[in-house]
Amino acid sequence: MKNEELRVKKDTMNDEMKYEEALAQLETIVRKMEANELDIDEIAAQLKTAQRLIKLCRDKLTKTEAELLEEQSDGQ
């Protein structure tokens, strides 16, 4: 993946990104690392991207869990 592509993905990575899209990007990063398709510079960049994607996914899951718990407590 070229630096320009990395920049575009980084710029589009925000709270509006869907969980499934973030997960798919993470899976792509893992697949490329496992297949040794990345050079050392790309690995460093992809690790940073993966960290941001993991945080985004974790935040979305935490938010969803809190909303579900709130709905459950409101329903009782």
Protein backbone atom coordinates (compact mmCIF):
# COMPACT_ATOMS: atom_id res chain seq x y z
CA MET A 1 0.00 0.00 0.00
CA LYS A 2 1.44 3.35 -0.98
CA ASN A 3 1.81 6.30 1.37
CA GLU A 4 -0.92 8.20 -0.49
CA GLU A 5 -3.36 5.33 0.08
CA LEU A 6 -2.41 5.23 3.75
CA ARG A 7 -3.06 8.95 4.05
CA VAL A 8 -6.47 8.64 2.44
CA LYS A 9 -7.47 5.80 4.78
CA LYS A 10 -6.15 7.74 7.78
CA ASP A 11 -8.11 10.84 6.77
CA THR A 12 -11.32 8.85 6.34
CA MET A 13 -10.90 7.02 9.64
CA ASN A 14 -13.29 8.72 12.02
CA ASP A 15 -16.39 8.07 14.08
CA GLU A 16 -18.45 7.91 10.89
CA MET A 17 -16.58 4.81 9.72
CA LYS A 18 -18.70 1.72 10.15
CA TYR A 19 -17.49 -1.01 12.49
CA GLU A 20 -17.57 -3.55 9.65
CA GLU A 21 -15.41 -1.32 7.45
CA ALA A 22 -12.83 -0.86 10.21
CA LEU A 23 -12.79 -4.60 10.88
CA ALA A 24 -12.33 -5.34 7.17
CA GLN A 25 -9.37 -2.95 7.03
CA LEU A 26 -7.84 -4.65 10.06
CA GLU A 27 -8.28 -8.05 8.42
CA THR A 28 -6.58 -6.74 5.28
CA ILE A 29 -3.63 -5.44 7.29
CA VAL A 30 -3.25 -8.79 9.07
CA ARG A 31 -3.50 -10.73 5.80
CA LYS A 32 -0.80 -8.57 4.16
CA MET A 33 1.49 -8.90 7.18
CA GLU A 34 1.05 -12.67 7.31
CA ALA A 35 1.76 -12.91 3.57
CA ASN A 36 4.88 -10.71 3.91
CA GLU A 37 3.46 -8.27 1.34
CA LEU A 38 4.66 -5.15 3.18
CA ASP A 39 8.10 -3.62 3.43
CA ILE A 40 9.37 -2.31 6.76
CA ASP A 41 8.10 1.25 6.20
CA GLU A 42 4.67 0.00 5.25
CA ILE A 43 4.58 -2.29 8.28
CA ALA A 44 5.25 0.65 10.59
CA ALA A 45 2.51 2.71 8.94
CA GLN A 46 0.06 -0.19 8.93
CA LEU A 47 0.67 -0.88 12.62
CA LYS A 48 -0.25 2.73 13.42
CA THR A 49 -3.36 2.42 11.27
CA ALA A 50 -4.26 -0.85 12.95
CA GLN A 51 -3.94 0.75 16.39
CA ARG A 52 -6.37 3.51 15.38
CA LEU A 53 -8.78 0.98 13.86
CA ILE A 54 -8.68 -1.16 17.00
CA LYS A 55 -9.44 1.88 19.15
CA LEU A 56 -12.29 2.87 16.85
CA CYS A 57 -13.77 -0.65 17.01
CA ARG A 58 -13.35 -0.83 20.78
CA ASP A 59 -15.00 2.57 21.22
CA LYS A 60 -17.93 1.58 19.01
CA LEU A 61 -18.42 -1.68 20.89
CA THR A 62 -18.26 0.09 24.26
CA LYS A 63 -20.78 2.70 23.11
CA THR A 64 -23.14 0.05 21.77
CA GLU A 65 -22.86 -1.97 24.98
CA ALA A 66 -23.67 1.11 27.06
CA GLU A 67 -26.68 1.88 24.87
CA LEU A 68 -27.94 -1.69 25.18
CA LEU A 69 -27.54 -1.65 28.94
CA GLU A 70 -29.39 1.67 29.11
CA GLU A 71 -32.22 0.25 26.99
CA GLN A 72 -32.42 -2.80 29.25
CA SER A 73 -32.58 -0.68 32.40
CA ASP A 74 -35.19 1.63 30.83
CA GLY A 75 -37.31 -1.34 29.88
CA GLN A 76 -37.49 -2.72 33.40
